[in-house]
Amino acid sequence: MTLQYYLHRCGLAARRKVNAIIERGRVAVNGTVVREFWLSVNPDKDSVTVDGAPCRLPLGHHYYLFHKPRGLITSVSDPRGRQTVIDYVRKVHGLSEPLHPTGRLDKDTEGLLILTDDGDFTQKITHPSHEIPKVYVAVLKNEITDEQKRILESGIQIDGAMTAKAKLAKVRLEKKGLEGQPCWRITIHEGKKRQVRRMFEAVGTRVMYLRRDQIGSFTLKGIENPGQMRVINESELDDFRRVYF
């Protein structure tokens, strides 16, 4: 793996900050100062130090379910200084692992996110070939007709390409300020930017509130309130991998 990724995985800093640390000559590999962040290192053979202190990979990986509140950016860092989900879990939950979100939710959407430091897991879970279902609850400004529902379920053109078929079901959601508004559960297995919002906009209505309730077999059970999180246990991971990978 590259030196940059190795130090990131060790929990030193986000990748951009890791590059700056390396370029300042603070990192040594096998006793020699290096300034090339793309340098290949072998964790089993090479000794890597920062300011003379050894850096070692953590044992195993970490996996969390996080109920993202509205207002957070789904990113590790933000050049505009906005609060990210990683900023939040470090401050509120005291986590220090080099976590990143798998997939994304836009700033105004709340709901389920998986946070991990396992890059291979992230690559698999976000690849469309695995067709992992993602379930959302959407409160709409205007009710949709049977024909609009049929169009949404058949696929909508976004960015010049048709979305895959979706599943919709009418549900009831009691949320302050949105009482009486039409509410639908929509299941998709893609992750285009603002996809659910853009799908409903394409048939002439607007999403007033959006929450992701499920990713594959993972749900918000136990973390029903925004800001809560919990560890994913090995049994849950094994079941998830067996079904989707």
C-alpha atoms as a PDB file:
ATOM      1  CA  MET A   1       0.000   0.000   0.000  1.00  0.00           C
ATOM      2  CA  THR A   2       1.088   3.603  -0.438  1.00  0.00           C
ATOM      3  CA  LEU A   3       2.700   5.459   2.444  1.00  0.00           C
ATOM      4  CA  GLN A   4      -0.154   7.951   2.393  1.00  0.00           C
ATOM      5  CA  TYR A   5      -2.813   5.268   2.790  1.00  0.00           C
ATOM      6  CA  TYR A   6      -0.774   3.407   5.407  1.00  0.00           C
ATOM      7  CA  LEU A   7      -0.491   6.495   7.627  1.00  0.00           C
ATOM      8  CA  HIS A   8      -4.158   7.293   7.112  1.00  0.00           C
ATOM      9  CA  ARG A   9      -5.077   3.745   8.155  1.00  0.00           C
ATOM     10  CA  CYS A  10      -2.868   4.104  11.213  1.00  0.00           C
ATOM     11  CA  GLY A  11      -5.106   6.978  12.288  1.00  0.00           C
ATOM     12  CA  LEU A  12      -2.553   9.752  11.778  1.00  0.00           C
ATOM     13  CA  ALA A  13      -4.845  12.119   9.851  1.00  0.00           C
ATOM     14  CA  ALA A  14      -7.048  12.517   6.785  1.00  0.00           C
ATOM     15  CA  ARG A  15      -5.222  11.810   3.526  1.00  0.00           C
ATOM     16  CA  ARG A  16      -4.684  15.464   2.549  1.00  0.00           C
ATOM     17  CA  LYS A  17      -3.156  16.222   5.923  1.00  0.00           C
ATOM     18  CA  VAL A  18      -1.034  13.061   5.700  1.00  0.00           C
ATOM     19  CA  ASN A  19       0.493  14.362   2.459  1.00  0.00           C
ATOM     20  CA  ALA A  20       1.525  17.613   4.158  1.00  0.00           C
ATOM     21  CA  ILE A  21       3.109  15.706   7.063  1.00  0.00           C
ATOM     22  CA  ILE A  22       5.123  13.572   4.643  1.00  0.00           C
ATOM     23  CA  GLU A  23       6.232  16.540   2.538  1.00  0.00           C
ATOM     24  CA  ARG A  24       7.551  18.300   5.656  1.00  0.00           C
ATOM     25  CA  GLY A  25      10.000  15.449   6.209  1.00  0.00           C
ATOM     26  CA  ARG A  26       8.417  14.196   9.409  1.00  0.00           C
ATOM     27  CA  VAL A  27       8.087  10.607   8.187  1.00  0.00           C
ATOM     28  CA  ALA A  28      10.818   7.981   7.991  1.00  0.00           C
ATOM     29  CA  VAL A  29      10.679   4.500   6.454  1.00  0.00           C
ATOM     30  CA  ASN A  30      13.254   2.058   7.804  1.00  0.00           C
ATOM     31  CA  GLY A  31      15.147   4.971   9.307  1.00  0.00           C
ATOM     32  CA  THR A  32      15.277   7.083   6.145  1.00  0.00           C
ATOM     33  CA  VAL A  33      13.252  10.294   5.825  1.00  0.00           C
ATOM     34  CA  VAL A  34      10.947  10.173   2.803  1.00  0.00           C
ATOM     35  CA  ARG A  35       8.817  12.840   1.150  1.00  0.00           C
ATOM     36  CA  GLU A  36       7.005  10.745  -1.492  1.00  0.00           C
ATOM     37  CA  PHE A  37       3.486   9.953  -0.310  1.00  0.00           C
ATOM     38  CA  TRP A  38       3.020   7.401  -3.134  1.00  0.00           C
ATOM     39  CA  LEU A  39       5.961   5.317  -1.873  1.00  0.00           C
ATOM     40  CA  SER A  40       4.990   1.651  -1.438  1.00  0.00           C
ATOM     41  CA  VAL A  41       5.349   0.205   2.057  1.00  0.00           C
ATOM     42  CA  ASN A  42       4.885  -3.311   3.395  1.00  0.00           C
ATOM     43  CA  PRO A  43       3.220  -3.218   6.845  1.00  0.00           C
ATOM     44  CA  ASP A  44       4.721  -6.631   7.694  1.00  0.00           C
ATOM     45  CA  LYS A  45       8.324  -5.693   6.863  1.00  0.00           C
ATOM     46  CA  ASP A  46       8.803  -1.919   6.898  1.00  0.00           C
ATOM     47  CA  SER A  47       9.237   0.304   9.937  1.00  0.00           C
ATOM     48  CA  VAL A  48       7.396   3.621   9.614  1.00  0.00           C
ATOM     49  CA  THR A  49       7.816   6.478  12.093  1.00  0.00           C
ATOM     50  CA  VAL A  50       6.406  10.005  12.393  1.00  0.00           C
ATOM     51  CA  ASP A  51       8.543  12.413  14.400  1.00  0.00           C
ATOM     52  CA  GLY A  52      10.389   9.334  15.655  1.00  0.00           C
ATOM     53  CA  ALA A  53       7.269   7.585  16.968  1.00  0.00           C
ATOM     54  CA  PRO A  54       6.310   4.248  15.326  1.00  0.00           C
ATOM     55  CA  CYS A  55       3.044   3.991  13.367  1.00  0.00           C
ATOM     56  CA  ARG A  56       1.232   0.669  13.306  1.00  0.00           C
ATOM     57  CA  LEU A  57      -1.983  -0.475  11.725  1.00  0.00           C
ATOM     58  CA  PRO A  58      -4.858  -1.123  14.131  1.00  0.00           C
ATOM     59  CA  LEU A  59      -5.833  -4.734  14.692  1.00  0.00           C
ATOM     60  CA  GLY A  60      -8.844  -5.566  12.547  1.00  0.00           C
ATOM     61  CA  HIS A  61     -11.388  -3.116  11.149  1.00  0.00           C
ATOM     62  CA  HIS A  62     -14.190  -1.102  12.695  1.00  0.00           C
ATOM     63  CA  TYR A  63     -17.798  -0.977  11.511  1.00  0.00           C
ATOM     64  CA  TYR A  64     -20.529   1.318  12.841  1.00  0.00           C
ATOM     65  CA  LEU A  65     -24.126   2.195  12.051  1.00  0.00           C
ATOM     66  CA  PHE A  66     -24.765   5.926  12.403  1.00  0.00           C
ATOM     67  CA  HIS A  67     -28.055   7.817  12.302  1.00  0.00           C
ATOM     68  CA  LYS A  68     -26.957  10.941  10.460  1.00  0.00           C
ATOM     69  CA  PRO A  69     -28.726  14.130  11.557  1.00  0.00           C
ATOM     70  CA  ARG A  70     -29.722  16.754   9.006  1.00  0.00           C
ATOM     71  CA  GLY A  71     -27.105  19.452   8.454  1.00  0.00           C
ATOM     72  CA  LEU A  72     -24.011  17.240   8.349  1.00  0.00           C
ATOM     73  CA  ILE A  73     -21.849  16.734   5.263  1.00  0.00           C
ATOM     74  CA  THR A  74     -21.273  13.078   4.346  1.00  0.00           C
ATOM     75  CA  SER A  75     -17.515  13.324   4.033  1.00  0.00           C
ATOM     76  CA  VAL A  76     -14.305  12.899   6.016  1.00  0.00           C
ATOM     77  CA  SER A  77     -13.432  16.582   5.648  1.00  0.00           C
ATOM     78  CA  ASP A  78     -14.903  19.646   3.959  1.00  0.00           C
ATOM     79  CA  PRO A  79     -12.841  22.428   2.296  1.00  0.00           C
ATOM     80  CA  ARG A  80     -15.579  24.946   3.156  1.00  0.00           C
ATOM     81  CA  GLY A  81     -15.304  24.164   6.862  1.00  0.00           C
ATOM     82  CA  ARG A  82     -18.775  22.653   7.233  1.00  0.00           C
ATOM     83  CA  GLN A  83     -19.285  19.985   9.879  1.00  0.00           C
ATOM     84  CA  THR A  84     -18.936  16.451   8.542  1.00  0.00           C
ATOM     85  CA  VAL A  85     -20.230  13.156   9.871  1.00  0.00           C
ATOM     86  CA  ILE A  86     -16.656  12.286  10.896  1.00  0.00           C
ATOM     87  CA  ASP A  87     -16.279  15.595  12.771  1.00  0.00           C
ATOM     88  CA  TYR A  88     -19.504  14.757  14.593  1.00  0.00           C
ATOM     89  CA  VAL A  89     -18.672  11.196  15.673  1.00  0.00           C
ATOM     90  CA  ARG A  90     -15.216  12.272  16.831  1.00  0.00           C
ATOM     91  CA  LYS A  91     -16.635  15.106  18.919  1.00  0.00           C
ATOM     92  CA  VAL A  92     -19.820  13.482  20.223  1.00  0.00           C
ATOM     93  CA  HIS A  93     -18.827   9.821  20.414  1.00  0.00           C
ATOM     94  CA  GLY A  94     -15.079  10.224  20.979  1.00  0.00           C
ATOM     95  CA  LEU A  95     -14.020   7.976  18.099  1.00  0.00           C
ATOM     96  CA  SER A  96     -10.467   8.300  16.821  1.00  0.00           C
ATOM     97  CA  GLU A  97     -10.296   5.577  14.150  1.00  0.00           C
ATOM     98  CA  PRO A  98      -9.679   6.756  10.545  1.00  0.00           C
ATOM     99  CA  LEU A  99     -13.315   6.191   9.606  1.00  0.00           C
ATOM    100  CA  HIS A 100     -15.067   7.132   6.394  1.00  0.00           C
ATOM    101  CA  PRO A 101     -18.707   6.909   5.296  1.00  0.00           C
ATOM    102  CA  THR A 102     -19.795   4.260   2.798  1.00  0.00           C
ATOM    103  CA  GLY A 103     -21.974   5.979   0.245  1.00  0.00           C
ATOM    104  CA  ARG A 104     -23.517   9.341   0.931  1.00  0.00           C
ATOM    105  CA  LEU A 105     -26.541  11.265   2.125  1.00  0.00           C
ATOM    106  CA  ASP A 106     -27.012  14.895   1.171  1.00  0.00           C
ATOM    107  CA  LYS A 107     -26.815  17.590   3.814  1.00  0.00           C
ATOM    108  CA  ASP A 108     -30.582  17.886   4.263  1.00  0.00           C
ATOM    109  CA  THR A 109     -31.222  14.130   4.463  1.00  0.00           C
ATOM    110  CA  GLU A 110     -31.033  12.163   7.685  1.00  0.00           C
ATOM    111  CA  GLY A 111     -30.811   8.453   8.275  1.00  0.00           C
ATOM    112  CA  LEU A 112     -28.630   5.391   8.098  1.00  0.00           C
ATOM    113  CA  LEU A 113     -24.940   5.522   7.247  1.00  0.00           C
ATOM    114  CA  ILE A 114     -22.269   2.872   7.625  1.00  0.00           C
ATOM    115  CA  LEU A 115     -18.945   4.190   8.922  1.00  0.00           C
ATOM    116  CA  THR A 116     -15.835   2.025   8.644  1.00  0.00           C
ATOM    117  CA  ASP A 117     -12.082   1.989   8.107  1.00  0.00           C
ATOM    118  CA  ASP A 118     -12.327  -1.004   5.746  1.00  0.00           C
ATOM    119  CA  GLY A 119     -11.733   0.228   2.204  1.00  0.00           C
ATOM    120  CA  ASP A 120     -12.467  -3.130   0.586  1.00  0.00           C
ATOM    121  CA  PHE A 121     -15.831  -3.330   2.348  1.00  0.00           C
ATOM    122  CA  THR A 122     -16.659   0.202   1.211  1.00  0.00           C
ATOM    123  CA  GLN A 123     -15.786  -0.564  -2.393  1.00  0.00           C
ATOM    124  CA  LYS A 124     -18.030  -3.624  -2.393  1.00  0.00           C
ATOM    125  CA  ILE A 125     -20.995  -2.008  -0.675  1.00  0.00           C
ATOM    126  CA  THR A 126     -20.999   1.014  -2.998  1.00  0.00           C
ATOM    127  CA  HIS A 127     -20.534  -0.914  -6.255  1.00  0.00           C
ATOM    128  CA  PRO A 128     -23.854  -1.056  -8.135  1.00  0.00           C
ATOM    129  CA  SER A 129     -23.224  -4.654  -9.272  1.00  0.00           C
ATOM    130  CA  HIS A 130     -24.105  -5.916  -5.771  1.00  0.00           C
ATOM    131  CA  GLU A 131     -27.561  -4.281  -5.994  1.00  0.00           C
ATOM    132  CA  ILE A 132     -27.809  -3.673  -2.258  1.00  0.00           C
ATOM    133  CA  PRO A 133     -31.288  -2.257  -1.534  1.00  0.00           C
ATOM    134  CA  LYS A 134     -31.542   1.120   0.173  1.00  0.00           C
ATOM    135  CA  VAL A 135     -34.879   2.065   1.716  1.00  0.00           C
ATOM    136  CA  TYR A 136     -35.966   5.679   2.208  1.00  0.00           C
ATOM    137  CA  VAL A 137     -39.013   7.405   3.673  1.00  0.00           C
ATOM    138  CA  ALA A 138     -39.953  10.541   1.735  1.00  0.00           C
ATOM    139  CA  VAL A 139     -42.528  13.135   2.754  1.00  0.00           C
ATOM    140  CA  LEU A 140     -43.787  14.954  -0.350  1.00  0.00           C
ATOM    141  CA  LYS A 141     -45.162  18.420  -0.968  1.00  0.00           C
ATOM    142  CA  ASN A 142     -47.853  17.028  -3.291  1.00  0.00           C
ATOM    143  CA  GLU A 143     -49.354  13.580  -3.612  1.00  0.00           C
ATOM    144  CA  ILE A 144     -48.353  11.504  -6.627  1.00  0.00           C
ATOM    145  CA  THR A 145     -50.793   9.777  -8.956  1.00  0.00           C
ATOM    146  CA  ASP A 146     -50.840   6.107  -9.901  1.00  0.00           C
ATOM    147  CA  GLU A 147     -49.234   7.070 -13.213  1.00  0.00           C
ATOM    148  CA  GLN A 148     -46.435   9.012 -11.485  1.00  0.00           C
ATOM    149  CA  LYS A 149     -45.866   6.017  -9.207  1.00  0.00           C
ATOM    150  CA  ARG A 150     -45.633   3.738 -12.255  1.00  0.00           C
ATOM    151  CA  ILE A 151     -43.083   6.049 -13.881  1.00  0.00           C
ATOM    152  CA  LEU A 152     -40.957   6.139 -10.731  1.00  0.00           C
ATOM    153  CA  GLU A 153     -41.034   2.358 -10.428  1.00  0.00           C
ATOM    154  CA  SER A 154     -40.106   1.932 -14.103  1.00  0.00           C
ATOM    155  CA  GLY A 155     -37.102   4.288 -13.949  1.00  0.00           C
ATOM    156  CA  ILE A 156     -36.327   7.980 -14.336  1.00  0.00           C
ATOM    157  CA  GLN A 157     -33.704   9.583 -16.552  1.00  0.00           C
ATOM    158  CA  ILE A 158     -30.997  11.280 -14.461  1.00  0.00           C
ATOM    159  CA  ASP A 159     -27.766  12.661 -15.927  1.00  0.00           C
ATOM    160  CA  GLY A 160     -28.557  11.086 -19.276  1.00  0.00           C
ATOM    161  CA  ALA A 161     -29.123   7.578 -17.924  1.00  0.00           C
ATOM    162  CA  MET A 162     -32.155   5.683 -16.701  1.00  0.00           C
ATOM    163  CA  THR A 163     -32.312   4.716 -13.056  1.00  0.00           C
ATOM    164  CA  ALA A 164     -33.000   1.091 -12.191  1.00  0.00           C
ATOM    165  CA  LYS A 165     -36.505   0.039 -11.240  1.00  0.00           C
ATOM    166  CA  ALA A 166     -37.670   1.237  -7.818  1.00  0.00           C
ATOM    167  CA  LYS A 167     -40.318  -0.005  -5.394  1.00  0.00           C
ATOM    168  CA  LEU A 168     -42.806   2.386  -3.793  1.00  0.00           C
ATOM    169  CA  ALA A 169     -45.328   1.897  -1.002  1.00  0.00           C
ATOM    170  CA  LYS A 170     -47.591   4.413   0.731  1.00  0.00           C
ATOM    171  CA  VAL A 171     -46.756   4.782   4.446  1.00  0.00           C
ATOM    172  CA  ARG A 172     -47.721   6.981   7.373  1.00  0.00           C
ATOM    173  CA  LEU A 173     -45.224   9.166   9.208  1.00  0.00           C
ATOM    174  CA  GLU A 174     -46.109  11.457  12.077  1.00  0.00           C
ATOM    175  CA  LYS A 175     -43.469  14.163  12.190  1.00  0.00           C
ATOM    176  CA  LYS A 176     -43.953  17.602  13.662  1.00  0.00           C
ATOM    177  CA  GLY A 177     -44.625  20.173  10.985  1.00  0.00           C
ATOM    178  CA  LEU A 178     -45.307  17.557   8.307  1.00  0.00           C
ATOM    179  CA  GLU A 179     -48.563  16.101   9.588  1.00  0.00           C
ATOM    180  CA  GLY A 180     -50.950  15.160   6.814  1.00  0.00           C
ATOM    181  CA  GLN A 181     -48.349  15.384   4.037  1.00  0.00           C
ATOM    182  CA  PRO A 182     -48.169  12.440   1.604  1.00  0.00           C
ATOM    183  CA  CYS A 183     -45.472   9.961   2.595  1.00  0.00           C
ATOM    184  CA  TRP A 184     -43.915   7.128   0.603  1.00  0.00           C
ATOM    185  CA  ARG A 185     -41.351   4.414   1.206  1.00  0.00           C
ATOM    186  CA  ILE A 186     -39.043   4.039  -1.793  1.00  0.00           C
ATOM    187  CA  THR A 187     -36.490   1.277  -2.324  1.00  0.00           C
ATOM    188  CA  ILE A 188     -33.585   1.707  -4.761  1.00  0.00           C
ATOM    189  CA  HIS A 189     -30.187   0.052  -5.132  1.00  0.00           C
ATOM    190  CA  GLU A 190     -28.187   2.843  -6.744  1.00  0.00           C
ATOM    191  CA  GLY A 191     -26.459   5.871  -5.273  1.00  0.00           C
ATOM    192  CA  LYS A 192     -26.647   8.740  -7.725  1.00  0.00           C
ATOM    193  CA  LYS A 193     -26.283  12.208  -6.226  1.00  0.00           C
ATOM    194  CA  ARG A 194     -29.567  13.324  -4.625  1.00  0.00           C
ATOM    195  CA  GLN A 195     -31.232  10.462  -6.483  1.00  0.00           C
ATOM    196  CA  VAL A 196     -34.459  10.114  -4.504  1.00  0.00           C
ATOM    197  CA  ARG A 197     -35.094  13.862  -4.466  1.00  0.00           C
ATOM    198  CA  ARG A 198     -34.411  14.137  -8.202  1.00  0.00           C
ATOM    199  CA  MET A 199     -36.670  11.177  -9.000  1.00  0.00           C
ATOM    200  CA  PHE A 200     -39.648  12.800  -7.296  1.00  0.00           C
ATOM    201  CA  GLU A 201     -38.813  16.181  -8.847  1.00  0.00           C
ATOM    202  CA  ALA A 202     -38.859  14.507 -12.268  1.00  0.00           C
ATOM    203  CA  VAL A 203     -42.545  13.615 -11.819  1.00  0.00           C
ATOM    204  CA  GLY A 204     -43.512  17.043 -10.559  1.00  0.00           C
ATOM    205  CA  THR A 205     -43.327  17.007  -6.771  1.00  0.00           C
ATOM    206  CA  ARG A 206     -40.783  17.976  -4.137  1.00  0.00           C
ATOM    207  CA  VAL A 207     -39.400  16.054  -1.172  1.00  0.00           C
ATOM    208  CA  MET A 208     -40.009  17.944   2.079  1.00  0.00           C
ATOM    209  CA  TYR A 209     -38.300  15.417   4.356  1.00  0.00           C
ATOM    210  CA  LEU A 210     -36.104  12.438   3.549  1.00  0.00           C
ATOM    211  CA  ARG A 211     -34.709   9.699   5.758  1.00  0.00           C
ATOM    212  CA  ARG A 212     -32.837   6.525   4.876  1.00  0.00           C
ATOM    213  CA  ASP A 213     -34.100   3.664   7.014  1.00  0.00           C
ATOM    214  CA  GLN A 214     -32.231   0.673   5.648  1.00  0.00           C
ATOM    215  CA  ILE A 215     -29.123  -0.502   3.767  1.00  0.00           C
ATOM    216  CA  GLY A 216     -29.439  -4.175   2.918  1.00  0.00           C
ATOM    217  CA  SER A 217     -30.111  -5.954   6.208  1.00  0.00           C
ATOM    218  CA  PHE A 218     -28.936  -3.008   8.345  1.00  0.00           C
ATOM    219  CA  THR A 219     -31.644  -0.761   9.800  1.00  0.00           C
ATOM    220  CA  LEU A 220     -32.096   2.108  12.252  1.00  0.00           C
ATOM    221  CA  LYS A 221     -33.188  -0.295  14.990  1.00  0.00           C
ATOM    222  CA  GLY A 222     -31.446   0.742  18.190  1.00  0.00           C
ATOM    223  CA  ILE A 223     -30.379   4.118  16.764  1.00  0.00           C
ATOM    224  CA  GLU A 224     -33.798   5.624  16.089  1.00  0.00           C
ATOM    225  CA  ASN A 225     -32.753   9.138  17.149  1.00  0.00           C
ATOM    226  CA  PRO A 226     -30.520  11.286  14.921  1.00  0.00           C
ATOM    227  CA  GLY A 227     -26.936  11.359  16.178  1.00  0.00           C
ATOM    228  CA  GLN A 228     -27.003   7.882  17.701  1.00  0.00           C
ATOM    229  CA  MET A 229     -24.630   5.140  16.572  1.00  0.00           C
ATOM    230  CA  ARG A 230     -23.707   1.564  17.423  1.00  0.00           C
ATOM    231  CA  VAL A 231     -21.117  -1.070  16.564  1.00  0.00           C
ATOM    232  CA  ILE A 232     -21.961  -3.638  13.891  1.00  0.00           C
ATOM    233  CA  ASN A 233     -21.185  -7.040  15.374  1.00  0.00           C
ATOM    234  CA  GLU A 234     -19.449  -9.924  13.591  1.00  0.00           C
ATOM    235  CA  SER A 235     -22.634 -11.945  13.222  1.00  0.00           C
ATOM    236  CA  GLU A 236     -24.381  -9.058  11.466  1.00  0.00           C
ATOM    237  CA  LEU A 237     -21.394  -8.555   9.168  1.00  0.00           C
ATOM    238  CA  ASP A 238     -21.240 -12.243   8.278  1.00  0.00           C
ATOM    239  CA  ASP A 239     -24.964 -12.302   7.471  1.00  0.00           C
ATOM    240  CA  PHE A 240     -24.653  -9.169   5.346  1.00  0.00           C
ATOM    241  CA  ARG A 241     -21.662 -10.474   3.400  1.00  0.00           C
ATOM    242  CA  ARG A 242     -23.303 -13.842   2.825  1.00  0.00           C
ATOM    243  CA  VAL A 243     -26.386 -12.228   1.280  1.00  0.00           C
ATOM    244  CA  TYR A 244     -24.866  -9.368  -0.740  1.00  0.00           C
ATOM    245  CA  PHE A 245     -21.228 -10.224  -1.489  1.00  0.00           C
END
